[in-house]
Amino acid sequence: MFLALIQQTDIQKKMEEAPDSAYEIGVVIGSYIPFVVLAGIAYAIYYYNKKKRGSE
């Protein structure tokens, strides 16, 4: 729900108008990609800082 507010798209409306189930799967995957990317960036920053702190 929060992601729908960020992207300013109505995912529920897209699901109702979907031509088939493959489109629905694509919408769901596409809605989670930003969270996955942000989590990856956060982990990379955490790992970099942990490694940098350990070498001092």
Protein backbone atom coordinates (compact mmCIF):
# COMPACT_ATOMS: atom_id res chain seq x y z
CA MET A 1 0.00 0.00 0.00
CA PHE A 2 2.81 2.39 0.93
CA LEU A 3 4.58 1.65 -2.32
CA ALA A 4 1.45 2.52 -4.27
CA LEU A 5 1.50 5.96 -2.66
CA ILE A 6 5.15 6.48 -3.56
CA GLN A 7 4.74 5.43 -7.18
CA GLN A 8 1.37 7.19 -7.48
CA THR A 9 -0.11 4.22 -9.31
CA ASP A 10 -3.16 2.18 -8.45
CA ILE A 11 -1.93 -1.42 -8.38
CA GLN A 12 -5.37 -2.76 -7.52
CA LYS A 13 -6.83 -1.11 -10.64
CA LYS A 14 -4.04 -2.63 -12.77
CA MET A 15 -4.81 -6.06 -11.32
CA GLU A 16 -8.50 -5.76 -12.21
CA GLU A 17 -7.70 -4.67 -15.77
CA ALA A 18 -4.97 -7.28 -16.27
CA PRO A 19 -5.36 -9.28 -19.49
CA ASP A 20 -3.99 -12.45 -17.84
CA SER A 21 -2.22 -13.74 -14.74
CA ALA A 22 1.26 -13.15 -16.20
CA TYR A 23 0.56 -9.41 -16.23
CA GLU A 24 -0.47 -9.57 -12.56
CA ILE A 25 2.77 -11.33 -11.68
CA GLY A 26 4.73 -8.66 -13.53
CA VAL A 27 2.95 -5.88 -11.63
CA VAL A 28 3.68 -7.55 -8.29
CA ILE A 29 7.34 -8.12 -9.13
CA GLY A 30 7.67 -4.58 -10.44
CA SER A 31 6.18 -3.18 -7.27
CA TYR A 32 8.72 -4.99 -5.08
CA ILE A 33 11.83 -4.16 -7.12
CA PRO A 34 12.36 -0.70 -5.54
CA PHE A 35 12.38 -2.25 -2.05
CA VAL A 36 14.82 -4.94 -3.11
CA VAL A 37 17.15 -2.36 -4.67
CA LEU A 38 17.03 -0.14 -1.57
CA ALA A 39 17.69 -3.12 0.70
CA GLY A 40 20.69 -4.06 -1.46
CA ILE A 41 22.08 -0.54 -1.31
CA ALA A 42 21.58 -0.42 2.47
CA TYR A 43 23.36 -3.77 2.89
CA ALA A 44 26.25 -2.64 0.67
CA ILE A 45 26.69 0.50 2.77
CA TYR A 46 26.49 -1.54 5.98
CA TYR A 47 29.03 -4.08 4.71
CA TYR A 48 31.40 -1.35 3.50
CA ASN A 49 31.28 0.47 6.85
CA LYS A 50 31.65 -2.76 8.82
CA LYS A 51 34.69 -3.74 6.79
CA LYS A 52 36.19 -0.25 7.05
CA ARG A 53 35.70 -0.14 10.82
CA GLY A 54 37.22 -3.60 11.29
CA SER A 55 40.49 -2.65 9.59
CA GLU A 56 41.30 0.20 11.99
